[in-house]
């Protein structure tokens, strides 16, 4: 598993998402930072809720990862982040920048999940 984890961390989509997160943080704009975070957490919530009923118990870290990303508490965190993003008062330029980060994050999350089905 360790070798697989290291390889996954070096995949282009993973590196691109890490860069997106750094760029959003370095922008200093709350809207851009929240846009990326909302996509990441919301997509994991959607995934976690879908796989929870059939998730394996072993290895323990697999089930723990699923449990972390589903349920009422995690759902409340995602709802809070979404509400925070939706409540921001942004200039047109800030809104466009946040939207661009959001859409890029969606594209990268989709590519990340697709990459799970590709040969290493």
PDB file of N, CA and C in Angstrom:
ATOM      1  N   UNK A   1       0.824  -1.189   0.000  1.00  0.00           N
ATOM      2  CA  UNK A   1       0.000   0.000   0.000  1.00  0.00           C
ATOM      3  C   UNK A   1       0.868   1.252   0.000  1.00  0.00           C
ATOM      4  N   UNK A   2       1.975   1.227   0.709  1.00  0.00           N
ATOM      5  CA  UNK A   2       2.822   2.412   0.782  1.00  0.00           C
ATOM      6  C   UNK A   2       3.316   2.835  -0.591  1.00  0.00           C
ATOM      7  N   UNK A   3       3.753   1.884  -1.408  1.00  0.00           N
ATOM      8  CA  UNK A   3       4.226   2.201  -2.749  1.00  0.00           C
ATOM      9  C   UNK A   3       3.097   2.775  -3.592  1.00  0.00           C
ATOM     10  N   UNK A   4       1.896   2.190  -3.476  1.00  0.00           N
ATOM     11  CA  UNK A   4       0.745   2.701  -4.211  1.00  0.00           C
ATOM     12  C   UNK A   4       0.398   4.117  -3.779  1.00  0.00           C
ATOM     13  N   UNK A   5       0.469   4.383  -2.500  1.00  0.00           N
ATOM     14  CA  UNK A   5       0.164   5.720  -1.989  1.00  0.00           C
ATOM     15  C   UNK A   5       1.173   6.734  -2.498  1.00  0.00           C
ATOM     16  N   UNK A   6       2.438   6.361  -2.500  1.00  0.00           N
ATOM     17  CA  UNK A   6       3.467   7.276  -3.015  1.00  0.00           C
ATOM     18  C   UNK A   6       3.246   7.543  -4.502  1.00  0.00           C
ATOM     19  N   UNK A   7       2.920   6.497  -5.256  1.00  0.00           N
ATOM     20  CA  UNK A   7       2.675   6.653  -6.689  1.00  0.00           C
ATOM     21  C   UNK A   7       1.459   7.542  -6.937  1.00  0.00           C
ATOM     22  N   UNK A   8       0.393   7.326  -6.164  1.00  0.00           N
ATOM     23  CA  UNK A   8      -0.814   8.131  -6.308  1.00  0.00           C
ATOM     24  C   UNK A   8      -0.522   9.604  -6.022  1.00  0.00           C
ATOM     25  N   UNK A   9       0.318   9.861  -5.046  1.00  0.00           N
ATOM     26  CA  UNK A   9       0.655  11.239  -4.682  1.00  0.00           C
ATOM     27  C   UNK A   9       1.430  11.952  -5.779  1.00  0.00           C
ATOM     28  N   UNK A  10       2.038  11.194  -6.683  1.00  0.00           N
ATOM     29  CA  UNK A  10       2.813  11.801  -7.767  1.00  0.00           C
ATOM     30  C   UNK A  10       2.061  11.838  -9.095  1.00  0.00           C
ATOM     31  N   UNK A  11       0.846  11.367  -9.119  1.00  0.00           N
ATOM     32  CA  UNK A  11       0.086  11.406 -10.368  1.00  0.00           C
ATOM     33  C   UNK A  11      -0.185  12.856 -10.758  1.00  0.00           C
ATOM     34  N   UNK A  12      -0.195  13.124 -12.038  1.00  0.00           N
ATOM     35  CA  UNK A  12      -0.406  14.509 -12.493  1.00  0.00           C
ATOM     36  C   UNK A  12      -1.670  15.157 -11.936  1.00  0.00           C
ATOM     37  N   UNK A  13      -2.768  14.409 -11.839  1.00  0.00           N
ATOM     38  CA  UNK A  13      -3.998  15.000 -11.332  1.00  0.00           C
ATOM     39  C   UNK A  13      -3.859  15.358  -9.855  1.00  0.00           C
ATOM     40  N   UNK A  14      -3.152  14.539  -9.095  1.00  0.00           N
ATOM     41  CA  UNK A  14      -2.945  14.840  -7.673  1.00  0.00           C
ATOM     42  C   UNK A  14      -2.076  16.078  -7.527  1.00  0.00           C
ATOM     43  N   UNK A  15      -1.015  16.149  -8.297  1.00  0.00           N
ATOM     44  CA  UNK A  15      -0.132  17.316  -8.257  1.00  0.00           C
ATOM     45  C   UNK A  15      -0.879  18.578  -8.689  1.00  0.00           C
ATOM     46  N   UNK A  16      -1.731  18.444  -9.691  1.00  0.00           N
ATOM     47  CA  UNK A  16      -2.509  19.597 -10.159  1.00  0.00           C
ATOM     48  C   UNK A  16      -3.475  20.080  -9.090  1.00  0.00           C
ATOM     49  N   UNK A  17      -4.115  19.149  -8.372  1.00  0.00           N
ATOM     50  CA  UNK A  17      -5.037  19.561  -7.320  1.00  0.00           C
ATOM     51  C   UNK A  17      -4.279  20.211  -6.163  1.00  0.00           C
ATOM     52  N   UNK A  18      -3.132  19.671  -5.822  1.00  0.00           N
ATOM     53  CA  UNK A  18      -2.313  20.285  -4.775  1.00  0.00           C
ATOM     54  C   UNK A  18      -1.929  21.710  -5.169  1.00  0.00           C
ATOM     55  N   UNK A  19      -1.585  21.899  -6.434  1.00  0.00           N
ATOM     56  CA  UNK A  19      -1.221  23.242  -6.908  1.00  0.00           C
ATOM     57  C   UNK A  19      -2.421  24.179  -6.868  1.00  0.00           C
ATOM     58  N   UNK A  20      -3.586  23.667  -7.241  1.00  0.00           N
ATOM     59  CA  UNK A  20      -4.801  24.470  -7.178  1.00  0.00           C
ATOM     60  C   UNK A  20      -5.066  24.923  -5.748  1.00  0.00           C
ATOM     61  N   UNK A  21      -4.894  24.015  -4.801  1.00  0.00           N
ATOM     62  CA  UNK A  21      -5.097  24.375  -3.396  1.00  0.00           C
ATOM     63  C   UNK A  21      -4.091  25.435  -2.945  1.00  0.00           C
ATOM     64  N   UNK A  22      -2.840  25.259  -3.337  1.00  0.00           N
ATOM     65  CA  UNK A  22      -1.823  26.267  -2.979  1.00  0.00           C
ATOM     66  C   UNK A  22      -2.143  27.618  -3.606  1.00  0.00           C
ATOM     67  N   UNK A  23      -2.515  27.597  -4.881  1.00  0.00           N
ATOM     68  CA  UNK A  23      -2.828  28.853  -5.575  1.00  0.00           C
ATOM     69  C   UNK A  23      -4.016  29.563  -4.932  1.00  0.00           C
ATOM     70  N   UNK A  24      -5.043  28.809  -4.579  1.00  0.00           N
ATOM     71  CA  UNK A  24      -6.209  29.411  -3.929  1.00  0.00           C
ATOM     72  C   UNK A  24      -5.812  30.011  -2.580  1.00  0.00           C
ATOM     73  N   UNK A  25      -5.009  29.288  -1.825  1.00  0.00           N
ATOM     74  CA  UNK A  25      -4.562  29.799  -0.515  1.00  0.00           C
ATOM     75  C   UNK A  25      -3.714  31.051  -0.680  1.00  0.00           C
ATOM     76  N   UNK A  26      -2.830  31.017  -1.644  1.00  0.00           N
ATOM     77  CA  UNK A  26      -1.936  32.164  -1.854  1.00  0.00           C
ATOM     78  C   UNK A  26      -2.658  33.383  -2.406  1.00  0.00           C
ATOM     79  N   UNK A  27      -3.842  33.175  -2.973  1.00  0.00           N
ATOM     80  CA  UNK A  27      -4.617  34.320  -3.470  1.00  0.00           C
ATOM     81  C   UNK A  27      -5.073  35.204  -2.317  1.00  0.00           C
ATOM     82  N   UNK A  28      -5.230  34.587  -1.139  1.00  0.00           N
ATOM     83  CA  UNK A  28      -5.717  35.333   0.014  1.00  0.00           C
ATOM     84  C   UNK A  28      -7.198  35.641  -0.057  1.00  0.00           C
ATOM     85  N   UNK A  29      -7.887  35.083  -1.045  1.00  0.00           N
ATOM     86  CA  UNK A  29      -9.316  35.346  -1.250  1.00  0.00           C
ATOM     87  C   UNK A  29     -10.144  34.205  -0.659  1.00  0.00           C
ATOM     88  N   UNK A  30     -10.970  34.526   0.314  1.00  0.00           N
ATOM     89  CA  UNK A  30     -11.784  33.514   0.974  1.00  0.00           C
ATOM     90  C   UNK A  30     -12.676  32.778  -0.029  1.00  0.00           C
ATOM     91  N   UNK A  31     -13.238  33.487  -0.977  1.00  0.00           N
ATOM     92  CA  UNK A  31     -14.102  32.860  -1.967  1.00  0.00           C
ATOM     93  C   UNK A  31     -13.385  31.798  -2.774  1.00  0.00           C
ATOM     94  N   UNK A  32     -12.159  32.079  -3.166  1.00  0.00           N
ATOM     95  CA  UNK A  32     -11.384  31.112  -3.945  1.00  0.00           C
ATOM     96  C   UNK A  32     -11.001  29.905  -3.087  1.00  0.00           C
ATOM     97  N   UNK A  33     -10.608  30.167  -1.855  1.00  0.00           N
ATOM     98  CA  UNK A  33     -10.240  29.065  -0.967  1.00  0.00           C
ATOM     99  C   UNK A  33     -11.444  28.173  -0.671  1.00  0.00           C
ATOM    100  N   UNK A  34     -12.577  28.788  -0.351  1.00  0.00           N
ATOM    101  CA  UNK A  34     -13.777  28.011  -0.060  1.00  0.00           C
ATOM    102  C   UNK A  34     -14.267  27.250  -1.290  1.00  0.00           C
ATOM    103  N   UNK A  35     -14.127  27.835  -2.465  1.00  0.00           N
ATOM    104  CA  UNK A  35     -14.582  27.168  -3.685  1.00  0.00           C
ATOM    105  C   UNK A  35     -13.881  25.829  -3.862  1.00  0.00           C
ATOM    106  N   UNK A  36     -12.576  25.814  -3.644  1.00  0.00           N
ATOM    107  CA  UNK A  36     -11.813  24.573  -3.787  1.00  0.00           C
ATOM    108  C   UNK A  36     -12.169  23.591  -2.668  1.00  0.00           C
ATOM    109  N   UNK A  37     -12.257  24.087  -1.454  1.00  0.00           N
ATOM    110  CA  UNK A  37     -12.566  23.231  -0.309  1.00  0.00           C
ATOM    111  C   UNK A  37     -13.961  22.621  -0.422  1.00  0.00           C
ATOM    112  N   UNK A  38     -14.934  23.405  -0.849  1.00  0.00           N
ATOM    113  CA  UNK A  38     -16.301  22.899  -0.992  1.00  0.00           C
ATOM    114  C   UNK A  38     -16.347  21.752  -2.000  1.00  0.00           C
ATOM    115  N   UNK A  39     -15.681  21.928  -3.125  1.00  0.00           N
ATOM    116  CA  UNK A  39     -15.681  20.858  -4.134  1.00  0.00           C
ATOM    117  C   UNK A  39     -15.063  19.591  -3.566  1.00  0.00           C
ATOM    118  N   UNK A  40     -13.923  19.728  -2.909  1.00  0.00           N
ATOM    119  CA  UNK A  40     -13.238  18.548  -2.371  1.00  0.00           C
ATOM    120  C   UNK A  40     -14.104  17.827  -1.343  1.00  0.00           C
ATOM    121  N   UNK A  41     -14.623  18.551  -0.385  1.00  0.00           N
ATOM    122  CA  UNK A  41     -15.380  17.918   0.693  1.00  0.00           C
ATOM    123  C   UNK A  41     -16.748  17.422   0.219  1.00  0.00           C
ATOM    124  N   UNK A  42     -17.392  18.168  -0.650  1.00  0.00           N
ATOM    125  CA  UNK A  42     -18.707  17.774  -1.149  1.00  0.00           C
ATOM    126  C   UNK A  42     -18.590  16.521  -2.018  1.00  0.00           C
ATOM    127  N   UNK A  43     -17.543  16.462  -2.835  1.00  0.00           N
ATOM    128  CA  UNK A  43     -17.384  15.265  -3.673  1.00  0.00           C
ATOM    129  C   UNK A  43     -17.075  14.047  -2.809  1.00  0.00           C
ATOM    130  N   UNK A  44     -16.268  14.215  -1.763  1.00  0.00           N
ATOM    131  CA  UNK A  44     -16.004  13.086  -0.876  1.00  0.00           C
ATOM    132  C   UNK A  44     -17.242  12.681  -0.089  1.00  0.00           C
ATOM    133  N   UNK A  45     -18.068  13.647   0.289  1.00  0.00           N
ATOM    134  CA  UNK A  45     -19.315  13.300   0.967  1.00  0.00           C
ATOM    135  C   UNK A  45     -20.208  12.481   0.034  1.00  0.00           C
ATOM    136  N   UNK A  46     -20.340  12.922  -1.205  1.00  0.00           N
ATOM    137  CA  UNK A  46     -21.163  12.197  -2.176  1.00  0.00           C
ATOM    138  C   UNK A  46     -20.655  10.775  -2.363  1.00  0.00           C
ATOM    139  N   UNK A  47     -19.344  10.638  -2.450  1.00  0.00           N
ATOM    140  CA  UNK A  47     -18.720   9.316  -2.589  1.00  0.00           C
ATOM    141  C   UNK A  47     -18.942   8.482  -1.332  1.00  0.00           C
ATOM    142  N   UNK A  48     -18.655   9.068  -0.168  1.00  0.00           N
ATOM    143  CA  UNK A  48     -18.771   8.335   1.092  1.00  0.00           C
ATOM    144  C   UNK A  48     -20.174   7.824   1.344  1.00  0.00           C
ATOM    145  N   UNK A  49     -21.175   8.660   1.069  1.00  0.00           N
ATOM    146  CA  UNK A  49     -22.570   8.243   1.271  1.00  0.00           C
ATOM    147  C   UNK A  49     -22.927   7.086   0.331  1.00  0.00           C
ATOM    148  N   UNK A  50     -22.375   7.113  -0.876  1.00  0.00           N
ATOM    149  CA  UNK A  50     -22.704   6.081  -1.855  1.00  0.00           C
ATOM    150  C   UNK A  50     -22.045   4.749  -1.528  1.00  0.00           C
ATOM    151  N   UNK A  51     -20.803   4.771  -1.037  1.00  0.00           N
ATOM    152  CA  UNK A  51     -20.095   3.512  -0.805  1.00  0.00           C
ATOM    153  C   UNK A  51     -20.233   2.979   0.615  1.00  0.00           C
ATOM    154  N   UNK A  52     -20.722   3.776   1.539  1.00  0.00           N
ATOM    155  CA  UNK A  52     -20.816   3.342   2.943  1.00  0.00           C
ATOM    156  C   UNK A  52     -21.542   2.010   3.125  1.00  0.00           C
ATOM    157  N   UNK A  53     -22.655   1.791   2.432  1.00  0.00           N
ATOM    158  CA  UNK A  53     -23.368   0.529   2.660  1.00  0.00           C
ATOM    159  C   UNK A  53     -22.596  -0.728   2.235  1.00  0.00           C
ATOM    160  N   UNK A  54     -21.634  -0.575   1.362  1.00  0.00           N
ATOM    161  CA  UNK A  54     -20.908  -1.749   0.861  1.00  0.00           C
ATOM    162  C   UNK A  54     -19.412  -1.702   1.170  1.00  0.00           C
ATOM    163  N   UNK A  55     -18.984  -0.732   1.952  1.00  0.00           N
ATOM    164  CA  UNK A  55     -17.555  -0.597   2.258  1.00  0.00           C
ATOM    165  C   UNK A  55     -17.066  -1.772   3.097  1.00  0.00           C
ATOM    166  N   UNK A  56     -15.869  -2.206   2.809  1.00  0.00           N
ATOM    167  CA  UNK A  56     -15.283  -3.328   3.543  1.00  0.00           C
ATOM    168  C   UNK A  56     -14.798  -2.869   4.915  1.00  0.00           C
ATOM    169  N   UNK A  57     -14.750  -3.790   5.836  1.00  0.00           N
ATOM    170  CA  UNK A  57     -14.284  -3.483   7.186  1.00  0.00           C
ATOM    171  C   UNK A  57     -12.762  -3.556   7.291  1.00  0.00           C
ATOM    172  N   UNK A  58     -12.162  -4.352   6.445  1.00  0.00           N
ATOM    173  CA  UNK A  58     -10.712  -4.526   6.472  1.00  0.00           C
ATOM    174  C   UNK A  58     -10.143  -4.245   5.095  1.00  0.00           C
ATOM    175  N   UNK A  59      -9.034  -3.595   4.991  1.00  0.00           N
ATOM    176  CA  UNK A  59      -8.235  -3.067   6.087  1.00  0.00           C
ATOM    177  C   UNK A  59      -8.945  -1.898   6.781  1.00  0.00           C
ATOM    178  N   UNK A  60      -8.630  -1.726   8.047  1.00  0.00           N
ATOM    179  CA  UNK A  60      -9.340  -0.755   8.880  1.00  0.00           C
ATOM    180  C   UNK A  60      -9.324   0.644   8.291  1.00  0.00           C
ATOM    181  N   UNK A  61      -8.204   1.032   7.666  1.00  0.00           N
ATOM    182  CA  UNK A  61      -8.097   2.393   7.145  1.00  0.00           C
ATOM    183  C   UNK A  61      -9.082   2.645   6.015  1.00  0.00           C
ATOM    184  N   UNK A  62      -9.467   1.605   5.298  1.00  0.00           N
ATOM    185  CA  UNK A  62     -10.447   1.769   4.221  1.00  0.00           C
ATOM    186  C   UNK A  62     -11.805   2.148   4.805  1.00  0.00           C
ATOM    187  N   UNK A  63     -12.250   1.394   5.788  1.00  0.00           N
ATOM    188  CA  UNK A  63     -13.549   1.669   6.410  1.00  0.00           C
ATOM    189  C   UNK A  63     -13.517   3.004   7.143  1.00  0.00           C
ATOM    190  N   UNK A  64     -12.415   3.302   7.788  1.00  0.00           N
ATOM    191  CA  UNK A  64     -12.286   4.569   8.510  1.00  0.00           C
ATOM    192  C   UNK A  64     -12.377   5.744   7.543  1.00  0.00           C
ATOM    193  N   UNK A  65     -11.749   5.621   6.384  1.00  0.00           N
ATOM    194  CA  UNK A  65     -11.789   6.688   5.373  1.00  0.00           C
ATOM    195  C   UNK A  65     -13.229   6.905   4.898  1.00  0.00           C
ATOM    196  N   UNK A  66     -13.961   5.835   4.676  1.00  0.00           N
ATOM    197  CA  UNK A  66     -15.359   5.951   4.261  1.00  0.00           C
ATOM    198  C   UNK A  66     -16.172   6.598   5.379  1.00  0.00           C
ATOM    199  N   UNK A  67     -16.026   6.102   6.606  1.00  0.00           N
ATOM    200  CA  UNK A  67     -16.792   6.639   7.736  1.00  0.00           C
ATOM    201  C   UNK A  67     -16.523   8.119   7.961  1.00  0.00           C
ATOM    202  N   UNK A  68     -15.298   8.540   7.714  1.00  0.00           N
ATOM    203  CA  UNK A  68     -14.935   9.953   7.878  1.00  0.00           C
ATOM    204  C   UNK A  68     -15.727  10.841   6.933  1.00  0.00           C
ATOM    205  N   UNK A  69     -16.058  10.316   5.757  1.00  0.00           N
ATOM    206  CA  UNK A  69     -16.649  11.133   4.703  1.00  0.00           C
ATOM    207  C   UNK A  69     -18.145  10.897   4.477  1.00  0.00           C
ATOM    208  N   UNK A  70     -18.840  10.409   5.500  1.00  0.00           N
ATOM    209  CA  UNK A  70     -20.287  10.247   5.381  1.00  0.00           C
ATOM    210  C   UNK A  70     -20.916  10.471   6.748  1.00  0.00           C
ATOM    211  N   UNK A  71     -22.207  10.481   6.757  1.00  0.00           N
ATOM    212  CA  UNK A  71     -22.913  10.633   8.023  1.00  0.00           C
ATOM    213  C   UNK A  71     -23.334  12.062   8.307  1.00  0.00           C
ATOM    214  N   UNK A  72     -24.103  12.199   9.370  1.00  0.00           N
ATOM    215  CA  UNK A  72     -24.680  13.495   9.712  1.00  0.00           C
ATOM    216  C   UNK A  72     -23.633  14.551  10.031  1.00  0.00           C
ATOM    217  N   UNK A  73     -22.602  14.178  10.799  1.00  0.00           N
ATOM    218  CA  UNK A  73     -21.625  15.193  11.184  1.00  0.00           C
ATOM    219  C   UNK A  73     -20.885  15.727   9.966  1.00  0.00           C
ATOM    220  N   UNK A  74     -20.360  14.829   9.138  1.00  0.00           N
ATOM    221  CA  UNK A  74     -19.634  15.295   7.960  1.00  0.00           C
ATOM    222  C   UNK A  74     -20.567  16.069   7.032  1.00  0.00           C
ATOM    223  N   UNK A  75     -21.802  15.615   6.917  1.00  0.00           N
ATOM    224  CA  UNK A  75     -22.774  16.355   6.117  1.00  0.00           C
ATOM    225  C   UNK A  75     -22.980  17.768   6.630  1.00  0.00           C
ATOM    226  N   UNK A  76     -22.964  17.939   7.960  1.00  0.00           N
ATOM    227  CA  UNK A  76     -23.132  19.280   8.522  1.00  0.00           C
ATOM    228  C   UNK A  76     -21.914  20.161   8.230  1.00  0.00           C
ATOM    229  N   UNK A  77     -20.745  19.561   8.187  1.00  0.00           N
ATOM    230  CA  UNK A  77     -19.533  20.321   7.840  1.00  0.00           C
ATOM    231  C   UNK A  77     -19.626  20.804   6.394  1.00  0.00           C
ATOM    232  N   UNK A  78     -20.003  19.911   5.498  1.00  0.00           N
ATOM    233  CA  UNK A  78     -20.128  20.274   4.086  1.00  0.00           C
ATOM    234  C   UNK A  78     -21.214  21.343   3.909  1.00  0.00           C
ATOM    235  N   UNK A  79     -22.336  21.195   4.590  1.00  0.00           N
ATOM    236  CA  UNK A  79     -23.402  22.196   4.511  1.00  0.00           C
ATOM    237  C   UNK A  79     -22.928  23.550   5.022  1.00  0.00           C
ATOM    238  N   UNK A  80     -22.166  23.534   6.104  1.00  0.00           N
ATOM    239  CA  UNK A  80     -21.626  24.774   6.645  1.00  0.00           C
ATOM    240  C   UNK A  80     -20.712  25.461   5.626  1.00  0.00           C
ATOM    241  N   UNK A  81     -19.801  24.684   5.027  1.00  0.00           N
ATOM    242  CA  UNK A  81     -18.876  25.257   4.042  1.00  0.00           C
ATOM    243  C   UNK A  81     -19.628  25.795   2.826  1.00  0.00           C
ATOM    244  N   UNK A  82     -20.613  25.052   2.355  1.00  0.00           N
ATOM    245  CA  UNK A  82     -21.404  25.507   1.205  1.00  0.00           C
ATOM    246  C   UNK A  82     -22.148  26.799   1.553  1.00  0.00           C
ATOM    247  N   UNK A  83     -22.744  26.835   2.743  1.00  0.00           N
ATOM    248  CA  UNK A  83     -23.459  28.034   3.170  1.00  0.00           C
ATOM    249  C   UNK A  83     -22.540  29.232   3.300  1.00  0.00           C
ATOM    250  N   UNK A  84     -21.358  28.988   3.824  1.00  0.00           N
ATOM    251  CA  UNK A  84     -20.376  30.062   3.955  1.00  0.00           C
ATOM    252  C   UNK A  84     -19.999  30.613   2.582  1.00  0.00           C
ATOM    253  N   UNK A  85     -19.744  29.724   1.639  1.00  0.00           N
ATOM    254  CA  UNK A  85     -19.409  30.166   0.284  1.00  0.00           C
ATOM    255  C   UNK A  85     -20.568  30.936  -0.334  1.00  0.00           C
ATOM    256  N   UNK A  86     -21.767  30.402  -0.197  1.00  0.00           N
ATOM    257  CA  UNK A  86     -22.943  31.057  -0.779  1.00  0.00           C
ATOM    258  C   UNK A  86     -23.244  32.415  -0.154  1.00  0.00           C
ATOM    259  N   UNK A  87     -22.837  32.612   1.089  1.00  0.00           N
ATOM    260  CA  UNK A  87     -23.173  33.859   1.790  1.00  0.00           C
ATOM    261  C   UNK A  87     -22.166  34.978   1.555  1.00  0.00           C
ATOM    262  N   UNK A  88     -21.057  34.686   0.904  1.00  0.00           N
ATOM    263  CA  UNK A  88     -20.052  35.717   0.689  1.00  0.00           C
ATOM    264  C   UNK A  88     -20.576  36.816  -0.235  1.00  0.00           C
ATOM    265  N   UNK A  89     -20.206  38.027   0.088  1.00  0.00           N
ATOM    266  CA  UNK A  89     -20.486  39.159  -0.794  1.00  0.00           C
ATOM    267  C   UNK A  89     -19.202  39.424  -1.567  1.00  0.00           C
ATOM    268  N   UNK A  90     -19.250  39.132  -2.865  1.00  0.00           N
ATOM    269  CA  UNK A  90     -18.064  39.228  -3.698  1.00  0.00           C
ATOM    270  C   UNK A  90     -18.265  40.244  -4.816  1.00  0.00           C
ATOM    271  N   UNK A  91     -17.177  40.855  -5.220  1.00  0.00           N
ATOM    272  CA  UNK A  91     -17.230  41.687  -6.416  1.00  0.00           C
ATOM    273  C   UNK A  91     -17.389  40.753  -7.616  1.00  0.00           C
ATOM    274  N   UNK A  92     -17.691  41.309  -8.751  1.00  0.00           N
ATOM    275  CA  UNK A  92     -17.822  40.492  -9.963  1.00  0.00           C
ATOM    276  C   UNK A  92     -16.519  39.756 -10.242  1.00  0.00           C
ATOM    277  N   UNK A  93     -15.408  40.437 -10.107  1.00  0.00           N
ATOM    278  CA  UNK A  93     -14.103  39.812 -10.361  1.00  0.00           C
ATOM    279  C   UNK A  93     -13.836  38.683  -9.365  1.00  0.00           C
ATOM    280  N   UNK A  94     -14.138  38.912  -8.097  1.00  0.00           N
ATOM    281  CA  UNK A  94     -13.946  37.873  -7.086  1.00  0.00           C
ATOM    282  C   UNK A  94     -14.850  36.673  -7.353  1.00  0.00           C
ATOM    283  N   UNK A  95     -16.088  36.937  -7.753  1.00  0.00           N
ATOM    284  CA  UNK A  95     -17.016  35.849  -8.043  1.00  0.00           C
ATOM    285  C   UNK A  95     -16.529  35.019  -9.233  1.00  0.00           C
ATOM    286  N   UNK A  96     -16.048  35.682 -10.262  1.00  0.00           N
ATOM    287  CA  UNK A  96     -15.527  34.967 -11.433  1.00  0.00           C
ATOM    288  C   UNK A  96     -14.293  34.137 -11.072  1.00  0.00           C
ATOM    289  N   UNK A  97     -13.430  34.680 -10.237  1.00  0.00           N
ATOM    290  CA  UNK A  97     -12.235  33.943  -9.813  1.00  0.00           C
ATOM    291  C   UNK A  97     -12.626  32.719  -8.979  1.00  0.00           C
ATOM    292  N   UNK A  98     -13.592  32.899  -8.069  1.00  0.00           N
ATOM    293  CA  UNK A  98     -14.052  31.776  -7.250  1.00  0.00           C
ATOM    294  C   UNK A  98     -14.716  30.715  -8.131  1.00  0.00           C
ATOM    295  N   UNK A  99     -15.501  31.152  -9.092  1.00  0.00           N
ATOM    296  CA  UNK A  99     -16.159  30.212 -10.008  1.00  0.00           C
ATOM    297  C   UNK A  99     -15.114  29.446 -10.819  1.00  0.00           C
ATOM    298  N   UNK A 100     -14.080  30.115 -11.271  1.00  0.00           N
ATOM    299  CA  UNK A 100     -13.021  29.444 -12.040  1.00  0.00           C
ATOM    300  C   UNK A 100     -12.316  28.396 -11.184  1.00  0.00           C
ATOM    301  N   UNK A 101     -12.032  28.731  -9.935  1.00  0.00           N
ATOM    302  CA  UNK A 101     -11.400  27.756  -9.029  1.00  0.00           C
ATOM    303  C   UNK A 101     -12.350  26.578  -8.791  1.00  0.00           C
ATOM    304  N   UNK A 102     -13.627  26.869  -8.587  1.00  0.00           N
ATOM    305  CA  UNK A 102     -14.621  25.819  -8.347  1.00  0.00           C
ATOM    306  C   UNK A 102     -14.664  24.850  -9.530  1.00  0.00           C
ATOM    307  N   UNK A 103     -14.764  25.383 -10.725  1.00  0.00           N
ATOM    308  CA  UNK A 103     -14.869  24.540 -11.913  1.00  0.00           C
ATOM    309  C   UNK A 103     -13.583  23.745 -12.148  1.00  0.00           C
ATOM    310  N   UNK A 104     -12.443  24.347 -11.891  1.00  0.00           N
ATOM    311  CA  UNK A 104     -11.173  23.621 -12.027  1.00  0.00           C
ATOM    312  C   UNK A 104     -11.126  22.484 -11.007  1.00  0.00           C
ATOM    313  N   UNK A 105     -11.572  22.750  -9.795  1.00  0.00           N
ATOM    314  CA  UNK A 105     -11.590  21.713  -8.757  1.00  0.00           C
ATOM    315  C   UNK A 105     -12.520  20.568  -9.158  1.00  0.00           C
ATOM    316  N   UNK A 106     -13.665  20.883  -9.733  1.00  0.00           N
ATOM    317  CA  UNK A 106     -14.589  19.837 -10.194  1.00  0.00           C
ATOM    318  C   UNK A 106     -13.904  18.971 -11.253  1.00  0.00           C
ATOM    319  N   UNK A 107     -13.272  19.616 -12.221  1.00  0.00           N
ATOM    320  CA  UNK A 107     -12.571  18.877 -13.280  1.00  0.00           C
ATOM    321  C   UNK A 107     -11.498  17.961 -12.699  1.00  0.00           C
ATOM    322  N   UNK A 108     -10.738  18.470 -11.736  1.00  0.00           N
ATOM    323  CA  UNK A 108      -9.659  17.676 -11.150  1.00  0.00           C
ATOM    324  C   UNK A 108     -10.188  16.550 -10.274  1.00  0.00           C
ATOM    325  N   UNK A 109     -11.258  16.787  -9.542  1.00  0.00           N
ATOM    326  CA  UNK A 109     -11.840  15.711  -8.729  1.00  0.00           C
ATOM    327  C   UNK A 109     -12.350  14.588  -9.631  1.00  0.00           C
ATOM    328  N   UNK A 110     -13.011  14.947 -10.712  1.00  0.00           N
ATOM    329  CA  UNK A 110     -13.486  13.938 -11.649  1.00  0.00           C
ATOM    330  C   UNK A 110     -12.307  13.141 -12.216  1.00  0.00           C
ATOM    331  N   UNK A 111     -11.250  13.835 -12.608  1.00  0.00           N
ATOM    332  CA  UNK A 111     -10.072  13.160 -13.140  1.00  0.00           C
ATOM    333  C   UNK A 111      -9.413  12.283 -12.078  1.00  0.00           C
ATOM    334  N   UNK A 112      -9.420  12.727 -10.827  1.00  0.00           N
ATOM    335  CA  UNK A 112      -8.841  11.946  -9.732  1.00  0.00           C
ATOM    336  C   UNK A 112      -9.591  10.630  -9.566  1.00  0.00           C
ATOM    337  N   UNK A 113     -10.911  10.696  -9.534  1.00  0.00           N
ATOM    338  CA  UNK A 113     -11.685   9.463  -9.370  1.00  0.00           C
ATOM    339  C   UNK A 113     -11.565   8.575 -10.600  1.00  0.00           C
ATOM    340  N   UNK A 114     -11.528   9.173 -11.792  1.00  0.00           N
ATOM    341  CA  UNK A 114     -11.324   8.376 -13.002  1.00  0.00           C
ATOM    342  C   UNK A 114      -9.975   7.675 -12.977  1.00  0.00           C
ATOM    343  N   UNK A 115      -8.959   8.335 -12.450  1.00  0.00           N
ATOM    344  CA  UNK A 115      -7.614   7.771 -12.414  1.00  0.00           C
ATOM    345  C   UNK A 115      -7.544   6.514 -11.542  1.00  0.00           C
ATOM    346  N   UNK A 116      -8.483   6.389 -10.617  1.00  0.00           N
ATOM    347  CA  UNK A 116      -8.490   5.194  -9.756  1.00  0.00           C
ATOM    348  C   UNK A 116      -8.751   3.931 -10.561  1.00  0.00           C
ATOM    349  N   UNK A 117      -9.325   4.072 -11.741  1.00  0.00           N
ATOM    350  CA  UNK A 117      -9.642   2.916 -12.567  1.00  0.00           C
ATOM    351  C   UNK A 117      -8.620   2.688 -13.677  1.00  0.00           C
ATOM    352  N   UNK A 118      -7.593   3.535 -13.707  1.00  0.00           N
ATOM    353  CA  UNK A 118      -6.536   3.387 -14.701  1.00  0.00           C
ATOM    354  C   UNK A 118      -5.400   2.581 -14.152  1.00  0.00           C
ATOM    355  N   UNK A 119      -4.705   1.904 -15.013  1.00  0.00           N
ATOM    356  CA  UNK A 119      -3.505   1.163 -14.583  1.00  0.00           C
ATOM    357  C   UNK A 119      -2.426   2.158 -14.183  1.00  0.00           C
ATOM    358  N   UNK A 120      -1.668   1.844 -13.140  1.00  0.00           N
ATOM    359  CA  UNK A 120      -0.620   2.778 -12.678  1.00  0.00           C
ATOM    360  C   UNK A 120       0.479   2.971 -13.701  1.00  0.00           C
TER     361      UNK A 120
END
